[in-house]
Amino acid sequence: MTTTTSGAPATTRLFQAGKVIEEGFAPERIPALLREHPDAVLWLDLLDPDEAGLAAAQEIFGLHPLAIEDAVQDHERPKLDRYPGHLFLNLYHVRVDTSPPALHKTEISAFVLERALITVHKQQGDLAALTARWDLDSESLGAENGVAFLVYGLLDVVMDAQLAAAQKLDRAMDGVEDTLLEEGGAPRAVRAKGFALRHTLATLQRGVGPMPAIVTELLDIGSHLHLSDQLKPYLRDVEDHAKHAAETTEMARDRINGLLDADLNEQSNALNDITKKLAAWAAIIAVPTAVTGYFGQNVPYPSSGTWVGVVVSAVLMLGAAGTLIWTFKRKNWL
């Protein structure tokens, strides 16, 4: 259930011992609910709020003004900032298409407090995937880990999506690799797809690259999250996924760059071969042309000096030129 706060759609849940005890309540009830349930933790999600939309949360939880500013601005880099009383996370949930290659990003900012996780979706996101992830392990992990469990679930969903996107793009290159390495270079459409894949990978890398360091830093400052020994292995698994996604993306970029460079070299080699052939034929034709031109030799031909001869010679010239144009276009030389 979704409510609103200062015009921004809001989704709310209250957890106690890993179980949802209330959800879909108005954000105005948050202080009373936290007082009523001293062992409960809160999840509040806001969809693309402005600073006014975050004013109530700022007042209740003492959020830092710089973190508020980052949460309302689009296209912030992935990062983890520490402020008195809370952490601030910025990360990207991604989904990729391969025909044509395109990356769809959802920027998420998160305030991590002792009793609350406040997320800000700057674009419409799939909240069902996030809540399903929490519900899956709520009994085994949520009972003793509070907000740390919520942060783990958020990171796990994001990193699984990033790793899946990197692997999907890497597999998409298999379809263009053989064609890019064909003799004479690849067709224009295949090269265009290769460039689109490279652009998509570059965009993905900006969201994936910083994530291993962010998850590692979260593990290093686990005292702020009250990480239990039970939860630490799960966060290390998320860290492994982050490293895997970053490595896969980087290797895929190197691979597509190598393929495009190899295709360019193959085109250059093909062009050199064509140039050599044309130069050789030009030299062969130039010798008799130079000799006959020097001595002024003209050989009479049938119907020479009549209008029929003019027509015949014109047809021969146009036919020869047309044949060459057709041949060159068929070979993509024109």
C-alpha atoms as a PDB file:
ATOM      1  CA  MET A   1       0.000   0.000   0.000  1.00  0.00           C
ATOM      2  CA  THR A   2       1.280   3.460  -0.929  1.00  0.00           C
ATOM      3  CA  THR A   3       0.597   6.720   0.852  1.00  0.00           C
ATOM      4  CA  THR A   4       1.927  10.223   0.223  1.00  0.00           C
ATOM      5  CA  THR A   5       4.027  12.709   2.123  1.00  0.00           C
ATOM      6  CA  SER A   6       4.311  16.293   0.899  1.00  0.00           C
ATOM      7  CA  GLY A   7       3.229  15.142  -2.557  1.00  0.00           C
ATOM      8  CA  ALA A   8       5.749  12.256  -2.813  1.00  0.00           C
ATOM      9  CA  PRO A   9       4.329   8.693  -2.947  1.00  0.00           C
ATOM     10  CA  ALA A  10       5.507   6.790   0.130  1.00  0.00           C
ATOM     11  CA  THR A  11       5.692   3.072   0.975  1.00  0.00           C
ATOM     12  CA  THR A  12       6.004   2.067   4.633  1.00  0.00           C
ATOM     13  CA  ARG A  13       6.667  -1.079   6.634  1.00  0.00           C
ATOM     14  CA  LEU A  14       7.356  -1.736  10.284  1.00  0.00           C
ATOM     15  CA  PHE A  15       9.396  -4.849  11.195  1.00  0.00           C
ATOM     16  CA  GLN A  16       9.747  -6.506  14.573  1.00  0.00           C
ATOM     17  CA  ALA A  17      11.872  -9.626  15.033  1.00  0.00           C
ATOM     18  CA  GLY A  18      12.007  -9.920  11.243  1.00  0.00           C
ATOM     19  CA  LYS A  19       8.236  -9.919  10.770  1.00  0.00           C
ATOM     20  CA  VAL A  20       6.067  -7.187   9.298  1.00  0.00           C
ATOM     21  CA  ILE A  21       3.769  -5.960  12.056  1.00  0.00           C
ATOM     22  CA  GLU A  22       2.297  -3.040  10.136  1.00  0.00           C
ATOM     23  CA  GLU A  23       2.550  -1.610   6.629  1.00  0.00           C
ATOM     24  CA  GLY A  24       0.987   0.989   4.375  1.00  0.00           C
ATOM     25  CA  PHE A  25       0.641   3.495   7.198  1.00  0.00           C
ATOM     26  CA  ALA A  26       0.912   7.258   6.761  1.00  0.00           C
ATOM     27  CA  PRO A  27       4.410   8.681   7.365  1.00  0.00           C
ATOM     28  CA  GLU A  28       2.913  11.025   9.978  1.00  0.00           C
ATOM     29  CA  ARG A  29       2.402   7.987  12.233  1.00  0.00           C
ATOM     30  CA  ILE A  30       6.095   7.021  12.230  1.00  0.00           C
ATOM     31  CA  PRO A  31       7.119   8.695  15.543  1.00  0.00           C
ATOM     32  CA  ALA A  32       4.175   7.204  17.429  1.00  0.00           C
ATOM     33  CA  LEU A  33       4.721   3.717  15.986  1.00  0.00           C
ATOM     34  CA  LEU A  34       8.421   3.735  16.873  1.00  0.00           C
ATOM     35  CA  ARG A  35       7.568   4.790  20.435  1.00  0.00           C
ATOM     36  CA  GLU A  36       4.855   2.137  20.658  1.00  0.00           C
ATOM     37  CA  HIS A  37       7.205  -0.606  19.396  1.00  0.00           C
ATOM     38  CA  PRO A  38      10.668   0.147  20.842  1.00  0.00           C
ATOM     39  CA  ASP A  39      12.194  -2.996  19.307  1.00  0.00           C
ATOM     40  CA  ALA A  40      10.808  -2.395  15.806  1.00  0.00           C
ATOM     41  CA  VAL A  41      12.623  -1.001  12.776  1.00  0.00           C
ATOM     42  CA  LEU A  42      11.148   1.068   9.974  1.00  0.00           C
ATOM     43  CA  TRP A  43      11.373   1.047   6.201  1.00  0.00           C
ATOM     44  CA  LEU A  44      10.187   4.207   4.461  1.00  0.00           C
ATOM     45  CA  ASP A  45      10.434   4.563   0.680  1.00  0.00           C
ATOM     46  CA  LEU A  46       9.778   7.867  -1.105  1.00  0.00           C
ATOM     47  CA  LEU A  47       9.376   8.226  -4.867  1.00  0.00           C
ATOM     48  CA  ASP A  48      11.278  11.200  -6.309  1.00  0.00           C
ATOM     49  CA  PRO A  49      10.686  13.668  -3.452  1.00  0.00           C
ATOM     50  CA  ASP A  50      11.962  17.229  -3.378  1.00  0.00           C
ATOM     51  CA  GLU A  51      13.562  18.756  -0.279  1.00  0.00           C
ATOM     52  CA  ALA A  52      10.127  19.603   1.086  1.00  0.00           C
ATOM     53  CA  GLY A  53       9.130  15.948   0.683  1.00  0.00           C
ATOM     54  CA  LEU A  54      12.072  14.938   2.882  1.00  0.00           C
ATOM     55  CA  ALA A  55      11.559  17.690   5.450  1.00  0.00           C
ATOM     56  CA  ALA A  56       9.450  15.535   7.782  1.00  0.00           C
ATOM     57  CA  ALA A  57      11.980  12.670   7.722  1.00  0.00           C
ATOM     58  CA  GLN A  58      14.776  15.170   8.269  1.00  0.00           C
ATOM     59  CA  GLU A  59      13.037  16.556  11.329  1.00  0.00           C
ATOM     60  CA  ILE A  60      12.212  13.153  12.808  1.00  0.00           C
ATOM     61  CA  PHE A  61      15.578  11.463  12.216  1.00  0.00           C
ATOM     62  CA  GLY A  62      18.016  14.408  12.068  1.00  0.00           C
ATOM     63  CA  LEU A  63      19.184  13.748   8.505  1.00  0.00           C
ATOM     64  CA  HIS A  64      22.160  15.813   7.377  1.00  0.00           C
ATOM     65  CA  PRO A  65      21.393  18.641   4.895  1.00  0.00           C
ATOM     66  CA  LEU A  66      24.139  17.499   2.508  1.00  0.00           C
ATOM     67  CA  ALA A  67      22.666  13.990   2.431  1.00  0.00           C
ATOM     68  CA  ILE A  68      19.229  15.494   1.748  1.00  0.00           C
ATOM     69  CA  GLU A  69      20.715  17.481  -1.128  1.00  0.00           C
ATOM     70  CA  ASP A  70      22.291  14.345  -2.643  1.00  0.00           C
ATOM     71  CA  ALA A  71      19.040  12.405  -2.224  1.00  0.00           C
ATOM     72  CA  VAL A  72      16.992  14.847  -4.314  1.00  0.00           C
ATOM     73  CA  GLN A  73      19.573  15.400  -7.076  1.00  0.00           C
ATOM     74  CA  ASP A  74      19.691  12.980 -10.003  1.00  0.00           C
ATOM     75  CA  HIS A  75      22.744  11.166 -11.358  1.00  0.00           C
ATOM     76  CA  GLU A  76      24.819  11.147  -8.186  1.00  0.00           C
ATOM     77  CA  ARG A  77      27.720   8.718  -8.275  1.00  0.00           C
ATOM     78  CA  PRO A  78      27.521   5.462  -6.267  1.00  0.00           C
ATOM     79  CA  LYS A  79      28.958   6.202  -2.837  1.00  0.00           C
ATOM     80  CA  LEU A  80      28.808   5.693   0.909  1.00  0.00           C
ATOM     81  CA  ASP A  81      28.998   8.785   3.132  1.00  0.00           C
ATOM     82  CA  ARG A  82      29.103   8.895   6.923  1.00  0.00           C
ATOM     83  CA  TYR A  83      27.228  11.552   8.847  1.00  0.00           C
ATOM     84  CA  PRO A  84      26.583  11.938  12.579  1.00  0.00           C
ATOM     85  CA  GLY A  85      23.794   9.529  13.401  1.00  0.00           C
ATOM     86  CA  HIS A  86      23.389   7.906   9.988  1.00  0.00           C
ATOM     87  CA  LEU A  87      24.984   6.623   6.795  1.00  0.00           C
ATOM     88  CA  PHE A  88      24.068   7.729   3.273  1.00  0.00           C
ATOM     89  CA  LEU A  89      24.157   5.297   0.351  1.00  0.00           C
ATOM     90  CA  ASN A  90      23.689   6.004  -3.344  1.00  0.00           C
ATOM     91  CA  LEU A  91      23.455   3.107  -5.801  1.00  0.00           C
ATOM     92  CA  TYR A  92      21.811   1.937  -9.020  1.00  0.00           C
ATOM     93  CA  HIS A  93      19.436  -0.935  -9.710  1.00  0.00           C
ATOM     94  CA  VAL A  94      19.754  -1.863 -13.403  1.00  0.00           C
ATOM     95  CA  ARG A  95      18.011  -3.825 -16.125  1.00  0.00           C
ATOM     96  CA  VAL A  96      19.460  -4.432 -19.584  1.00  0.00           C
ATOM     97  CA  ASP A  97      18.068  -5.081 -23.059  1.00  0.00           C
ATOM     98  CA  THR A  98      20.254  -6.477 -25.835  1.00  0.00           C
ATOM     99  CA  SER A  99      18.110  -5.972 -28.980  1.00  0.00           C
ATOM    100  CA  PRO A 100      18.958  -3.164 -29.331  1.00  0.00           C
ATOM    101  CA  PRO A 101      21.439  -2.795 -26.445  1.00  0.00           C
ATOM    102  CA  ALA A 102      20.088  -0.432 -23.776  1.00  0.00           C
ATOM    103  CA  LEU A 103      20.517  -0.015 -20.025  1.00  0.00           C
ATOM    104  CA  HIS A 104      17.638   1.013 -17.763  1.00  0.00           C
ATOM    105  CA  LYS A 105      18.801   2.436 -14.423  1.00  0.00           C
ATOM    106  CA  THR A 106      16.920   3.203 -11.225  1.00  0.00           C
ATOM    107  CA  GLU A 107      18.868   5.477  -8.892  1.00  0.00           C
ATOM    108  CA  ILE A 108      18.325   4.732  -5.205  1.00  0.00           C
ATOM    109  CA  SER A 109      19.477   6.831  -2.269  1.00  0.00           C
ATOM    110  CA  ALA A 110      19.316   5.359   1.227  1.00  0.00           C
ATOM    111  CA  PHE A 111      19.609   6.785   4.733  1.00  0.00           C
ATOM    112  CA  VAL A 112      20.754   4.085   7.154  1.00  0.00           C
ATOM    113  CA  LEU A 113      19.834   4.830  10.762  1.00  0.00           C
ATOM    114  CA  GLU A 114      19.810   2.772  13.937  1.00  0.00           C
ATOM    115  CA  ARG A 115      16.080   2.026  13.708  1.00  0.00           C
ATOM    116  CA  ALA A 116      15.186   2.978  10.154  1.00  0.00           C
ATOM    117  CA  LEU A 117      16.094   2.490   6.514  1.00  0.00           C
ATOM    118  CA  ILE A 118      14.809   5.366   4.381  1.00  0.00           C
ATOM    119  CA  THR A 119      15.116   4.799   0.632  1.00  0.00           C
ATOM    120  CA  VAL A 120      14.551   7.374  -2.079  1.00  0.00           C
ATOM    121  CA  HIS A 121      13.741   6.036  -5.541  1.00  0.00           C
ATOM    122  CA  LYS A 122      14.501   8.773  -8.053  1.00  0.00           C
ATOM    123  CA  GLN A 123      12.737   6.764 -10.763  1.00  0.00           C
ATOM    124  CA  GLN A 124       9.935   4.229 -10.508  1.00  0.00           C
ATOM    125  CA  GLY A 125      11.464   1.019  -9.118  1.00  0.00           C
ATOM    126  CA  ASP A 126      10.425  -2.573  -8.555  1.00  0.00           C
ATOM    127  CA  LEU A 127       9.596  -2.491  -4.849  1.00  0.00           C
ATOM    128  CA  ALA A 128       8.024  -5.948  -5.084  1.00  0.00           C
ATOM    129  CA  ALA A 129      11.448  -7.516  -5.751  1.00  0.00           C
ATOM    130  CA  LEU A 130      12.877  -5.773  -2.692  1.00  0.00           C
ATOM    131  CA  THR A 131      10.063  -6.723  -0.332  1.00  0.00           C
ATOM    132  CA  ALA A 132      10.086 -10.291  -1.675  1.00  0.00           C
ATOM    133  CA  ARG A 133      13.802 -10.496  -0.864  1.00  0.00           C
ATOM    134  CA  TRP A 134      13.197  -9.383   2.706  1.00  0.00           C
ATOM    135  CA  ASP A 135      10.251 -11.744   3.120  1.00  0.00           C
ATOM    136  CA  LEU A 136      12.356 -14.677   1.887  1.00  0.00           C
ATOM    137  CA  ASP A 137      14.857 -14.502   4.773  1.00  0.00           C
ATOM    138  CA  SER A 138      12.824 -12.629   7.354  1.00  0.00           C
ATOM    139  CA  GLU A 139      12.663 -15.508   9.844  1.00  0.00           C
ATOM    140  CA  SER A 140      16.242 -16.753   9.470  1.00  0.00           C
ATOM    141  CA  LEU A 141      18.060 -13.397   9.268  1.00  0.00           C
ATOM    142  CA  GLY A 142      15.644 -10.633  10.154  1.00  0.00           C
ATOM    143  CA  ALA A 143      14.897 -11.660  13.717  1.00  0.00           C
ATOM    144  CA  GLU A 144      18.212 -10.509  15.189  1.00  0.00           C
ATOM    145  CA  ASN A 145      19.642  -8.080  12.651  1.00  0.00           C
ATOM    146  CA  GLY A 146      17.197  -5.174  12.424  1.00  0.00           C
ATOM    147  CA  VAL A 147      18.219  -2.447   9.985  1.00  0.00           C
ATOM    148  CA  ALA A 148      21.357  -4.359   8.973  1.00  0.00           C
ATOM    149  CA  PHE A 149      19.085  -7.067   7.528  1.00  0.00           C
ATOM    150  CA  LEU A 150      17.168  -4.450   5.510  1.00  0.00           C
ATOM    151  CA  VAL A 151      20.434  -3.010   4.150  1.00  0.00           C
ATOM    152  CA  TYR A 152      21.625  -6.499   3.240  1.00  0.00           C
ATOM    153  CA  GLY A 153      18.395  -7.204   1.343  1.00  0.00           C
ATOM    154  CA  LEU A 154      18.659  -3.923  -0.574  1.00  0.00           C
ATOM    155  CA  LEU A 155      22.289  -4.540  -1.535  1.00  0.00           C
ATOM    156  CA  ASP A 156      21.591  -8.148  -2.478  1.00  0.00           C
ATOM    157  CA  VAL A 157      18.793  -7.161  -4.884  1.00  0.00           C
ATOM    158  CA  VAL A 158      20.901  -4.411  -6.447  1.00  0.00           C
ATOM    159  CA  MET A 159      24.026  -6.534  -6.851  1.00  0.00           C
ATOM    160  CA  ASP A 160      22.129  -9.508  -8.290  1.00  0.00           C
ATOM    161  CA  ALA A 161      20.626  -7.176 -10.912  1.00  0.00           C
ATOM    162  CA  GLN A 162      23.999  -5.626 -11.748  1.00  0.00           C
ATOM    163  CA  LEU A 163      25.683  -9.015 -12.093  1.00  0.00           C
ATOM    164  CA  ALA A 164      22.846 -10.333 -14.272  1.00  0.00           C
ATOM    165  CA  ALA A 165      23.097  -7.262 -16.526  1.00  0.00           C
ATOM    166  CA  ALA A 166      26.878  -7.622 -16.917  1.00  0.00           C
ATOM    167  CA  GLN A 167      26.591 -11.324 -17.774  1.00  0.00           C
ATOM    168  CA  LYS A 168      23.742 -10.696 -20.233  1.00  0.00           C
ATOM    169  CA  LEU A 169      25.791  -8.092 -22.122  1.00  0.00           C
ATOM    170  CA  ASP A 170      28.803 -10.409 -22.129  1.00  0.00           C
ATOM    171  CA  ARG A 171      26.693 -13.183 -23.686  1.00  0.00           C
ATOM    172  CA  ALA A 172      25.286 -10.723 -26.247  1.00  0.00           C
ATOM    173  CA  MET A 173      28.812 -10.220 -27.574  1.00  0.00           C
ATOM    174  CA  ASP A 174      28.988 -13.876 -28.562  1.00  0.00           C
ATOM    175  CA  GLY A 175      26.460 -13.121 -31.288  1.00  0.00           C
ATOM    176  CA  VAL A 176      28.579 -10.395 -32.879  1.00  0.00           C
ATOM    177  CA  GLU A 177      32.085 -11.717 -32.223  1.00  0.00           C
ATOM    178  CA  ASP A 178      32.330 -14.128 -35.171  1.00  0.00           C
ATOM    179  CA  THR A 179      30.848 -11.587 -37.581  1.00  0.00           C
ATOM    180  CA  LEU A 180      33.180  -8.817 -36.411  1.00  0.00           C
ATOM    181  CA  LEU A 181      36.143 -11.083 -37.088  1.00  0.00           C
ATOM    182  CA  GLU A 182      35.079 -12.065 -40.603  1.00  0.00           C
ATOM    183  CA  GLU A 183      37.483 -11.461 -43.472  1.00  0.00           C
ATOM    184  CA  GLY A 184      37.037  -8.003 -44.935  1.00  0.00           C
ATOM    185  CA  GLY A 185      35.294  -6.571 -41.862  1.00  0.00           C
ATOM    186  CA  ALA A 186      31.775  -6.830 -40.500  1.00  0.00           C
ATOM    187  CA  PRO A 187      28.613  -5.358 -42.057  1.00  0.00           C
ATOM    188  CA  ARG A 188      27.641  -1.885 -40.887  1.00  0.00           C
ATOM    189  CA  ALA A 189      24.682  -3.172 -38.804  1.00  0.00           C
ATOM    190  CA  VAL A 190      26.933  -5.519 -36.827  1.00  0.00           C
ATOM    191  CA  ARG A 191      29.472  -2.758 -36.177  1.00  0.00           C
ATOM    192  CA  ALA A 192      26.646  -0.485 -35.018  1.00  0.00           C
ATOM    193  CA  LYS A 193      25.513  -3.139 -32.533  1.00  0.00           C
ATOM    194  CA  GLY A 194      29.093  -3.492 -31.314  1.00  0.00           C
ATOM    195  CA  PHE A 195      29.331   0.241 -30.652  1.00  0.00           C
ATOM    196  CA  ALA A 196      25.933   0.156 -28.883  1.00  0.00           C
ATOM    197  CA  LEU A 197      27.158  -2.690 -26.670  1.00  0.00           C
ATOM    198  CA  ARG A 198      30.287  -0.723 -25.799  1.00  0.00           C
ATOM    199  CA  HIS A 199      28.226   2.348 -24.896  1.00  0.00           C
ATOM    200  CA  THR A 200      25.881   0.266 -22.736  1.00  0.00           C
ATOM    201  CA  LEU A 201      28.801  -1.380 -20.950  1.00  0.00           C
ATOM    202  CA  ALA A 202      30.402   2.007 -20.283  1.00  0.00           C
ATOM    203  CA  THR A 203      27.145   3.235 -18.744  1.00  0.00           C
ATOM    204  CA  LEU A 204      26.853   0.073 -16.644  1.00  0.00           C
ATOM    205  CA  GLN A 205      30.431   0.349 -15.433  1.00  0.00           C
ATOM    206  CA  ARG A 206      29.756   3.777 -13.908  1.00  0.00           C
ATOM    207  CA  GLY A 207      27.158   2.155 -11.652  1.00  0.00           C
ATOM    208  CA  VAL A 208      28.987  -1.107 -10.992  1.00  0.00           C
ATOM    209  CA  GLY A 209      32.624  -0.029 -10.601  1.00  0.00           C
ATOM    210  CA  PRO A 210      32.445   1.615  -7.139  1.00  0.00           C
ATOM    211  CA  MET A 211      30.217  -1.055  -5.554  1.00  0.00           C
ATOM    212  CA  PRO A 212      32.904  -3.500  -4.296  1.00  0.00           C
ATOM    213  CA  ALA A 213      34.580  -0.711  -2.309  1.00  0.00           C
ATOM    214  CA  ILE A 214      31.217   0.428  -0.928  1.00  0.00           C
ATOM    215  CA  VAL A 215      30.243  -3.043   0.330  1.00  0.00           C
ATOM    216  CA  THR A 216      33.744  -3.560   1.764  1.00  0.00           C
ATOM    217  CA  GLU A 217      33.498  -0.268   3.636  1.00  0.00           C
ATOM    218  CA  LEU A 218      30.110  -1.284   5.033  1.00  0.00           C
ATOM    219  CA  LEU A 219      31.696  -4.469   6.361  1.00  0.00           C
ATOM    220  CA  ASP A 220      34.572  -2.493   7.862  1.00  0.00           C
ATOM    221  CA  ILE A 221      32.205  -0.177   9.729  1.00  0.00           C
ATOM    222  CA  GLY A 222      29.884  -2.990  10.767  1.00  0.00           C
ATOM    223  CA  SER A 223      29.656  -1.609  14.306  1.00  0.00           C
ATOM    224  CA  HIS A 224      27.436   1.213  13.012  1.00  0.00           C
ATOM    225  CA  LEU A 225      25.068  -1.339  11.490  1.00  0.00           C
ATOM    226  CA  HIS A 226      25.376  -3.683  14.481  1.00  0.00           C
ATOM    227  CA  LEU A 227      26.346  -6.505  12.119  1.00  0.00           C
ATOM    228  CA  SER A 228      26.040  -9.884  13.748  1.00  0.00           C
ATOM    229  CA  ASP A 229      28.337 -12.796  13.040  1.00  0.00           C
ATOM    230  CA  GLN A 230      25.291 -14.463  11.473  1.00  0.00           C
ATOM    231  CA  LEU A 231      24.860 -11.699   8.854  1.00  0.00           C
ATOM    232  CA  LYS A 232      28.508 -11.009   7.990  1.00  0.00           C
ATOM    233  CA  PRO A 233      28.910 -14.039   5.659  1.00  0.00           C
ATOM    234  CA  TYR A 234      25.847 -12.927   3.717  1.00  0.00           C
ATOM    235  CA  LEU A 235      27.268  -9.441   3.239  1.00  0.00           C
ATOM    236  CA  ARG A 236      30.558 -10.995   2.147  1.00  0.00           C
ATOM    237  CA  ASP A 237      28.573 -12.926  -0.464  1.00  0.00           C
ATOM    238  CA  VAL A 238      27.140  -9.595  -1.675  1.00  0.00           C
ATOM    239  CA  GLU A 239      30.696  -8.232  -1.758  1.00  0.00           C
ATOM    240  CA  ASP A 240      31.718 -11.203  -3.926  1.00  0.00           C
ATOM    241  CA  HIS A 241      28.825 -10.503  -6.312  1.00  0.00           C
ATOM    242  CA  ALA A 242      29.879  -6.856  -6.490  1.00  0.00           C
ATOM    243  CA  LYS A 243      33.436  -7.819  -7.412  1.00  0.00           C
ATOM    244  CA  HIS A 244      32.171 -10.365  -9.943  1.00  0.00           C
ATOM    245  CA  ALA A 245      29.901  -7.774 -11.589  1.00  0.00           C
ATOM    246  CA  ALA A 246      32.720  -5.199 -11.744  1.00  0.00           C
ATOM    247  CA  GLU A 247      35.191  -7.710 -13.191  1.00  0.00           C
ATOM    248  CA  THR A 248      32.674  -9.033 -15.743  1.00  0.00           C
ATOM    249  CA  THR A 249      31.825  -5.501 -16.889  1.00  0.00           C
ATOM    250  CA  GLU A 250      35.478  -4.496 -17.201  1.00  0.00           C
ATOM    251  CA  MET A 251      36.422  -7.665 -19.087  1.00  0.00           C
ATOM    252  CA  ALA A 252      33.411  -7.286 -21.380  1.00  0.00           C
ATOM    253  CA  ARG A 253      34.446  -3.712 -22.212  1.00  0.00           C
ATOM    254  CA  ASP A 254      37.994  -4.856 -22.968  1.00  0.00           C
ATOM    255  CA  ARG A 255      36.579  -7.644 -25.130  1.00  0.00           C
ATOM    256  CA  ILE A 256      34.277  -5.434 -27.215  1.00  0.00           C
ATOM    257  CA  ASN A 257      37.043  -2.831 -27.601  1.00  0.00           C
ATOM    258  CA  GLY A 258      39.370  -5.566 -28.856  1.00  0.00           C
ATOM    259  CA  LEU A 259      36.739  -6.866 -31.273  1.00  0.00           C
ATOM    260  CA  LEU A 260      36.026  -3.401 -32.686  1.00  0.00           C
ATOM    261  CA  ASP A 261      39.749  -2.707 -33.053  1.00  0.00           C
ATOM    262  CA  ALA A 262      40.230  -6.059 -34.812  1.00  0.00           C
ATOM    263  CA  ASP A 263      37.353  -5.223 -37.160  1.00  0.00           C
ATOM    264  CA  LEU A 264      38.916  -1.839 -37.927  1.00  0.00           C
ATOM    265  CA  ASN A 265      42.264  -3.493 -38.652  1.00  0.00           C
ATOM    266  CA  GLU A 266      40.536  -6.024 -40.930  1.00  0.00           C
ATOM    267  CA  GLN A 267      38.843  -3.185 -42.824  1.00  0.00           C
ATOM    268  CA  SER A 268      42.217  -1.444 -43.186  1.00  0.00           C
ATOM    269  CA  ASN A 269      43.803  -4.644 -44.503  1.00  0.00           C
ATOM    270  CA  ALA A 270      40.963  -5.129 -46.993  1.00  0.00           C
ATOM    271  CA  LEU A 271      41.300  -1.504 -48.119  1.00  0.00           C
ATOM    272  CA  ASN A 272      45.045  -1.944 -48.574  1.00  0.00           C
ATOM    273  CA  ASP A 273      44.450  -5.027 -50.739  1.00  0.00           C
ATOM    274  CA  ILE A 274      41.947  -3.135 -52.887  1.00  0.00           C
ATOM    275  CA  THR A 275      44.309  -0.182 -53.213  1.00  0.00           C
ATOM    276  CA  LYS A 276      47.158  -2.441 -54.318  1.00  0.00           C
ATOM    277  CA  LYS A 277      44.952  -4.135 -56.917  1.00  0.00           C
ATOM    278  CA  LEU A 278      43.722  -0.830 -58.306  1.00  0.00           C
ATOM    279  CA  ALA A 279      47.244   0.557 -58.407  1.00  0.00           C
ATOM    280  CA  ALA A 280      48.476  -2.561 -60.240  1.00  0.00           C
ATOM    281  CA  TRP A 281      45.735  -2.345 -62.885  1.00  0.00           C
ATOM    282  CA  ALA A 282      46.294   1.386 -63.251  1.00  0.00           C
ATOM    283  CA  ALA A 283      49.992   0.748 -63.918  1.00  0.00           C
ATOM    284  CA  ILE A 284      49.188  -1.997 -66.445  1.00  0.00           C
ATOM    285  CA  ILE A 285      46.773   0.245 -68.337  1.00  0.00           C
ATOM    286  CA  ALA A 286      49.027   3.298 -68.084  1.00  0.00           C
ATOM    287  CA  VAL A 287      51.870   1.746 -70.130  1.00  0.00           C
ATOM    288  CA  PRO A 288      49.999   1.165 -73.435  1.00  0.00           C
ATOM    289  CA  THR A 289      48.095   4.416 -72.921  1.00  0.00           C
ATOM    290  CA  ALA A 290      51.354   6.337 -72.569  1.00  0.00           C
ATOM    291  CA  VAL A 291      52.945   4.659 -75.612  1.00  0.00           C
ATOM    292  CA  THR A 292      49.981   5.166 -77.951  1.00  0.00           C
ATOM    293  CA  GLY A 293      49.498   8.687 -76.673  1.00  0.00           C
ATOM    294  CA  TYR A 294      53.159   9.571 -77.205  1.00  0.00           C
ATOM    295  CA  PHE A 295      53.157   8.328 -80.815  1.00  0.00           C
ATOM    296  CA  GLY A 296      49.646   9.645 -81.489  1.00  0.00           C
ATOM    297  CA  GLN A 297      48.342   6.274 -82.574  1.00  0.00           C
ATOM    298  CA  ASN A 298      44.621   6.058 -83.425  1.00  0.00           C
ATOM    299  CA  VAL A 299      43.251   2.812 -84.848  1.00  0.00           C
ATOM    300  CA  PRO A 300      40.169   3.149 -87.075  1.00  0.00           C
ATOM    301  CA  TYR A 301      37.177   1.180 -85.833  1.00  0.00           C
ATOM    302  CA  PRO A 302      34.053  -0.016 -87.681  1.00  0.00           C
ATOM    303  CA  SER A 303      31.861   2.922 -88.787  1.00  0.00           C
ATOM    304  CA  SER A 304      34.637   5.333 -87.801  1.00  0.00           C
ATOM    305  CA  GLY A 305      33.746   8.879 -88.825  1.00  0.00           C
ATOM    306  CA  THR A 306      29.980   8.227 -89.009  1.00  0.00           C
ATOM    307  CA  TRP A 307      27.118   8.838 -86.574  1.00  0.00           C
ATOM    308  CA  VAL A 308      26.739   5.062 -86.122  1.00  0.00           C
ATOM    309  CA  GLY A 309      30.307   4.889 -84.859  1.00  0.00           C
ATOM    310  CA  VAL A 310      29.585   7.670 -82.384  1.00  0.00           C
ATOM    311  CA  VAL A 311      26.593   5.762 -81.023  1.00  0.00           C
ATOM    312  CA  VAL A 312      28.557   2.507 -80.829  1.00  0.00           C
ATOM    313  CA  SER A 313      31.466   4.117 -78.988  1.00  0.00           C
ATOM    314  CA  ALA A 314      29.104   5.945 -76.608  1.00  0.00           C
ATOM    315  CA  VAL A 315      27.278   2.697 -75.824  1.00  0.00           C
ATOM    316  CA  LEU A 316      30.590   0.934 -75.183  1.00  0.00           C
ATOM    317  CA  MET A 317      31.791   3.670 -72.838  1.00  0.00           C
ATOM    318  CA  LEU A 318      28.519   3.901 -70.911  1.00  0.00           C
ATOM    319  CA  GLY A 319      28.181   0.104 -70.726  1.00  0.00           C
ATOM    320  CA  ALA A 320      31.736  -0.306 -69.438  1.00  0.00           C
ATOM    321  CA  ALA A 321      31.263   2.505 -66.897  1.00  0.00           C
ATOM    322  CA  GLY A 322      27.928   1.083 -65.739  1.00  0.00           C
ATOM    323  CA  THR A 323      29.442  -2.392 -65.326  1.00  0.00           C
ATOM    324  CA  LEU A 324      32.246  -0.966 -63.193  1.00  0.00           C
ATOM    325  CA  ILE A 325      29.797   1.035 -61.053  1.00  0.00           C
ATOM    326  CA  TRP A 326      27.640  -2.074 -60.477  1.00  0.00           C
ATOM    327  CA  THR A 327      30.690  -4.182 -59.619  1.00  0.00           C
ATOM    328  CA  PHE A 328      32.122  -1.600 -57.206  1.00  0.00           C
ATOM    329  CA  LYS A 329      28.808  -1.064 -55.442  1.00  0.00           C
ATOM    330  CA  ARG A 330      28.342  -4.808 -55.044  1.00  0.00           C
ATOM    331  CA  LYS A 331      31.726  -4.915 -53.295  1.00  0.00           C
ATOM    332  CA  ASN A 332      30.839  -1.830 -51.195  1.00  0.00           C
ATOM    333  CA  TRP A 333      33.630   0.190 -52.802  1.00  0.00           C
ATOM    334  CA  LEU A 334      31.195   2.971 -53.716  1.00  0.00           C
END
